[in-house]
């Protein structure tokens, strides 16, 4: 598949926003999974 200059410019324009949104989503997922992991340990110890 060939990428033309117009597509490349569009990709470069939106890449920073995509990266930022992806990192925010990953951070939220990690924090959520860590919270669930800690909660599981607390429940098991009760």
C-alpha atoms as a PDB file:
ATOM      1  CA  UNK A   1       0.000   0.000   0.000  1.00  0.00           C
ATOM      2  CA  UNK A   2       1.443   3.331  -1.032  1.00  0.00           C
ATOM      3  CA  UNK A   3       1.156   6.332   1.244  1.00  0.00           C
ATOM      4  CA  UNK A   4       0.770   9.638  -0.520  1.00  0.00           C
ATOM      5  CA  UNK A   5       1.965  12.976   0.820  1.00  0.00           C
ATOM      6  CA  UNK A   6      -1.549  14.097   1.787  1.00  0.00           C
ATOM      7  CA  UNK A   7      -2.105  10.962   3.892  1.00  0.00           C
ATOM      8  CA  UNK A   8       1.328  11.331   5.494  1.00  0.00           C
ATOM      9  CA  UNK A   9       0.648  14.955   6.459  1.00  0.00           C
ATOM     10  CA  UNK A  10      -2.718  13.987   7.929  1.00  0.00           C
ATOM     11  CA  UNK A  11      -1.081  11.184   9.915  1.00  0.00           C
ATOM     12  CA  UNK A  12       1.624  13.534  11.226  1.00  0.00           C
ATOM     13  CA  UNK A  13      -1.012  16.113  12.164  1.00  0.00           C
ATOM     14  CA  UNK A  14      -3.035  13.720  14.318  1.00  0.00           C
ATOM     15  CA  UNK A  15      -0.231  11.530  15.697  1.00  0.00           C
ATOM     16  CA  UNK A  16       0.497  13.657  18.821  1.00  0.00           C
ATOM     17  CA  UNK A  17      -3.188  13.674  19.850  1.00  0.00           C
ATOM     18  CA  UNK A  18      -3.486   9.944  19.232  1.00  0.00           C
ATOM     19  CA  UNK A  19      -0.357   9.233  21.295  1.00  0.00           C
ATOM     20  CA  UNK A  20      -1.553  11.415  24.167  1.00  0.00           C
ATOM     21  CA  UNK A  21      -5.010   9.816  24.219  1.00  0.00           C
ATOM     22  CA  UNK A  22      -3.485   6.341  24.038  1.00  0.00           C
ATOM     23  CA  UNK A  23      -1.147   7.039  26.954  1.00  0.00           C
ATOM     24  CA  UNK A  24      -3.977   8.490  29.059  1.00  0.00           C
ATOM     25  CA  UNK A  25      -6.082   5.389  28.348  1.00  0.00           C
ATOM     26  CA  UNK A  26      -3.200   3.087  29.264  1.00  0.00           C
ATOM     27  CA  UNK A  27      -2.501   5.012  32.476  1.00  0.00           C
ATOM     28  CA  UNK A  28      -6.161   4.748  33.491  1.00  0.00           C
ATOM     29  CA  UNK A  29      -6.187   1.024  32.703  1.00  0.00           C
ATOM     30  CA  UNK A  30      -3.047   0.431  34.770  1.00  0.00           C
ATOM     31  CA  UNK A  31      -4.369   2.417  37.733  1.00  0.00           C
ATOM     32  CA  UNK A  32      -7.688   0.564  37.546  1.00  0.00           C
ATOM     33  CA  UNK A  33      -6.019  -2.843  37.376  1.00  0.00           C
ATOM     34  CA  UNK A  34      -3.732  -1.966  40.307  1.00  0.00           C
ATOM     35  CA  UNK A  35      -6.731  -0.825  42.355  1.00  0.00           C
ATOM     36  CA  UNK A  36      -8.598  -4.046  41.552  1.00  0.00           C
ATOM     37  CA  UNK A  37      -5.522  -6.087  42.426  1.00  0.00           C
ATOM     38  CA  UNK A  38      -5.210  -4.362  45.823  1.00  0.00           C
ATOM     39  CA  UNK A  39      -8.940  -4.808  46.469  1.00  0.00           C
ATOM     40  CA  UNK A  40      -8.658  -8.533  45.730  1.00  0.00           C
ATOM     41  CA  UNK A  41      -5.881  -8.830  48.295  1.00  0.00           C
ATOM     42  CA  UNK A  42      -7.957  -6.983  50.889  1.00  0.00           C
ATOM     43  CA  UNK A  43     -10.978  -9.219  50.255  1.00  0.00           C
ATOM     44  CA  UNK A  44      -8.848 -12.368  50.498  1.00  0.00           C
ATOM     45  CA  UNK A  45      -7.409 -11.242  53.826  1.00  0.00           C
ATOM     46  CA  UNK A  46     -10.796 -10.512  55.387  1.00  0.00           C
END
